[in-house]
Amino acid sequence: MIPPPRVPPDLLQPCAGYTGPPPQSEGQISDALIAEVRGRHCANGKLATVADILNKSSPFEG
């Protein structure tokens, strides 16, 4: 039996987006949007890394 691929625990942790109260001003909306974009980039980067790990360990890869 092939052992499952090793995925580092930090890749399984959620990425924070905006966690504050609802924005009330243009500046707060901007800060919230920036936090959401950073969280999304973090999450997408982790997904890409996990996909690489899983693809490298695939027994069907040629």
N, C-alpha and C. Protein backbone atom coordinates (compact mmCIF):
# COMPACT_ATOMS: atom_id res chain seq x y z
N MET A 1 0.84 -1.19 0.00
CA MET A 1 0.00 0.00 0.00
C MET A 1 0.88 1.24 0.00
N ILE A 2 0.51 2.21 -0.79
CA ILE A 2 1.26 3.46 -0.90
C ILE A 2 0.84 4.38 0.24
N PRO A 3 1.82 4.91 0.99
CA PRO A 3 1.45 5.82 2.08
C PRO A 3 0.91 7.14 1.52
N PRO A 4 0.03 7.79 2.26
CA PRO A 4 -0.50 9.07 1.78
C PRO A 4 0.62 10.12 1.73
N PRO A 5 0.48 11.09 0.86
CA PRO A 5 1.50 12.14 0.78
C PRO A 5 1.53 12.95 2.07
N ARG A 6 2.71 13.46 2.39
CA ARG A 6 2.85 14.28 3.59
C ARG A 6 2.56 15.74 3.23
N VAL A 7 1.54 16.28 3.85
CA VAL A 7 1.18 17.69 3.66
C VAL A 7 1.53 18.42 4.95
N PRO A 8 2.44 19.39 4.89
CA PRO A 8 2.81 20.12 6.10
C PRO A 8 1.58 20.75 6.79
N PRO A 9 1.53 20.67 8.11
CA PRO A 9 0.36 21.17 8.85
C PRO A 9 0.03 22.64 8.59
N ASP A 10 1.05 23.46 8.33
CA ASP A 10 0.76 24.88 8.11
C ASP A 10 -0.06 25.10 6.84
N LEU A 11 0.01 24.17 5.89
CA LEU A 11 -0.78 24.30 4.68
C LEU A 11 -2.25 23.98 4.91
N LEU A 12 -2.56 23.37 6.03
CA LEU A 12 -3.93 23.01 6.36
C LEU A 12 -4.61 24.03 7.27
N GLN A 13 -3.89 25.09 7.62
CA GLN A 13 -4.45 26.14 8.47
C GLN A 13 -5.15 27.18 7.61
N PRO A 14 -6.28 27.72 8.09
CA PRO A 14 -6.99 28.74 7.31
C PRO A 14 -6.18 30.03 7.21
N CYS A 15 -6.47 30.78 6.18
CA CYS A 15 -5.86 32.10 5.99
C CYS A 15 -6.87 33.16 6.41
N ALA A 16 -6.40 34.13 7.14
CA ALA A 16 -7.30 35.20 7.62
C ALA A 16 -7.60 36.19 6.51
N GLY A 17 -8.83 36.57 6.43
CA GLY A 17 -9.25 37.68 5.59
C GLY A 17 -9.55 38.84 6.52
N TYR A 18 -10.55 39.63 6.18
CA TYR A 18 -10.94 40.73 7.05
C TYR A 18 -11.77 40.17 8.21
N THR A 19 -11.40 40.51 9.42
CA THR A 19 -12.09 39.98 10.60
C THR A 19 -12.68 41.08 11.49
N GLY A 20 -12.60 42.31 11.05
CA GLY A 20 -13.08 43.41 11.88
C GLY A 20 -14.56 43.65 11.74
N PRO A 21 -15.03 44.74 12.36
CA PRO A 21 -16.45 45.10 12.25
C PRO A 21 -16.77 45.57 10.83
N PRO A 22 -18.04 45.65 10.48
CA PRO A 22 -18.40 46.13 9.14
C PRO A 22 -17.79 47.51 8.89
N PRO A 23 -17.15 47.68 7.76
CA PRO A 23 -16.52 48.98 7.45
C PRO A 23 -17.56 50.10 7.37
N GLN A 24 -17.18 51.25 7.89
CA GLN A 24 -18.10 52.39 7.91
C GLN A 24 -17.63 53.56 7.05
N SER A 25 -16.37 53.53 6.64
CA SER A 25 -15.85 54.64 5.84
C SER A 25 -15.12 54.08 4.62
N GLU A 26 -14.80 54.95 3.72
CA GLU A 26 -14.08 54.55 2.51
C GLU A 26 -12.72 53.94 2.87
N GLY A 27 -12.04 54.52 3.83
CA GLY A 27 -10.75 53.99 4.27
C GLY A 27 -10.88 52.61 4.88
N GLN A 28 -11.92 52.40 5.68
CA GLN A 28 -12.14 51.09 6.29
C GLN A 28 -12.51 50.04 5.23
N ILE A 29 -13.29 50.46 4.24
CA ILE A 29 -13.63 49.54 3.15
C ILE A 29 -12.36 49.14 2.40
N SER A 30 -11.50 50.12 2.15
CA SER A 30 -10.24 49.83 1.47
C SER A 30 -9.39 48.85 2.28
N ASP A 31 -9.29 49.08 3.58
CA ASP A 31 -8.51 48.18 4.44
C ASP A 31 -9.10 46.77 4.43
N ALA A 32 -10.44 46.68 4.46
CA ALA A 32 -11.09 45.37 4.45
C ALA A 32 -10.83 44.65 3.13
N LEU A 33 -10.91 45.37 2.03
CA LEU A 33 -10.66 44.76 0.72
C LEU A 33 -9.22 44.26 0.61
N ILE A 34 -8.29 45.04 1.10
CA ILE A 34 -6.88 44.63 1.06
C ILE A 34 -6.68 43.37 1.89
N ALA A 35 -7.29 43.32 3.07
CA ALA A 35 -7.17 42.13 3.93
C ALA A 35 -7.78 40.91 3.24
N GLU A 36 -8.90 41.08 2.56
CA GLU A 36 -9.53 39.97 1.85
C GLU A 36 -8.65 39.48 0.71
N VAL A 37 -8.06 40.39 -0.03
CA VAL A 37 -7.17 40.00 -1.14
C VAL A 37 -5.96 39.24 -0.60
N ARG A 38 -5.39 39.73 0.48
CA ARG A 38 -4.23 39.03 1.07
C ARG A 38 -4.63 37.62 1.54
N GLY A 39 -5.80 37.51 2.16
CA GLY A 39 -6.27 36.20 2.60
C GLY A 39 -6.50 35.27 1.43
N ARG A 40 -7.06 35.78 0.36
CA ARG A 40 -7.31 34.96 -0.83
C ARG A 40 -6.00 34.51 -1.47
N HIS A 41 -5.02 35.41 -1.56
CA HIS A 41 -3.71 35.03 -2.11
C HIS A 41 -3.06 33.96 -1.24
N CYS A 42 -3.16 34.10 0.07
CA CYS A 42 -2.62 33.11 1.00
C CYS A 42 -3.28 31.75 0.76
N ALA A 43 -4.61 31.74 0.71
CA ALA A 43 -5.34 30.48 0.53
C ALA A 43 -5.03 29.85 -0.83
N ASN A 44 -5.01 30.65 -1.89
CA ASN A 44 -4.72 30.11 -3.21
C ASN A 44 -3.30 29.58 -3.30
N GLY A 45 -2.37 30.23 -2.64
CA GLY A 45 -0.99 29.74 -2.61
C GLY A 45 -0.90 28.39 -1.91
N LYS A 46 -1.62 28.25 -0.81
CA LYS A 46 -1.63 26.98 -0.09
C LYS A 46 -2.26 25.88 -0.95
N LEU A 47 -3.36 26.20 -1.62
CA LEU A 47 -4.00 25.21 -2.49
C LEU A 47 -3.07 24.76 -3.60
N ALA A 48 -2.35 25.69 -4.20
CA ALA A 48 -1.42 25.34 -5.26
C ALA A 48 -0.31 24.44 -4.74
N THR A 49 0.19 24.72 -3.55
CA THR A 49 1.25 23.89 -2.98
C THR A 49 0.74 22.49 -2.65
N VAL A 50 -0.46 22.41 -2.09
CA VAL A 50 -1.05 21.09 -1.79
C VAL A 50 -1.27 20.32 -3.10
N ALA A 51 -1.74 21.00 -4.13
CA ALA A 51 -1.94 20.33 -5.42
C ALA A 51 -0.61 19.79 -5.95
N ASP A 52 0.46 20.56 -5.83
CA ASP A 52 1.78 20.08 -6.26
C ASP A 52 2.19 18.83 -5.49
N ILE A 53 1.97 18.85 -4.18
CA ILE A 53 2.32 17.69 -3.35
C ILE A 53 1.52 16.47 -3.79
N LEU A 54 0.24 16.65 -4.00
CA LEU A 54 -0.61 15.53 -4.38
C LEU A 54 -0.29 15.02 -5.79
N ASN A 55 0.01 15.93 -6.70
CA ASN A 55 0.34 15.51 -8.07
C ASN A 55 1.66 14.78 -8.13
N LYS A 56 2.62 15.17 -7.32
CA LYS A 56 3.94 14.50 -7.31
C LYS A 56 3.85 13.10 -6.73
N SER A 57 2.85 12.89 -5.87
CA SER A 57 2.75 11.58 -5.23
C SER A 57 1.75 10.66 -5.94
N SER A 58 1.18 11.14 -7.04
CA SER A 58 0.20 10.33 -7.76
C SER A 58 0.86 9.14 -8.44
N PRO A 59 0.33 7.94 -8.19
CA PRO A 59 0.92 6.76 -8.84
C PRO A 59 0.61 6.70 -10.33
N PHE A 60 -0.31 7.55 -10.79
CA PHE A 60 -0.70 7.54 -12.20
C PHE A 60 0.07 8.53 -13.03
N GLU A 61 0.91 9.32 -12.39
CA GLU A 61 1.68 10.34 -13.12
C GLU A 61 2.76 9.65 -13.94
N GLY A 62 2.93 10.08 -15.17
CA GLY A 62 3.88 9.43 -16.04
C GLY A 62 5.11 10.13 -16.26
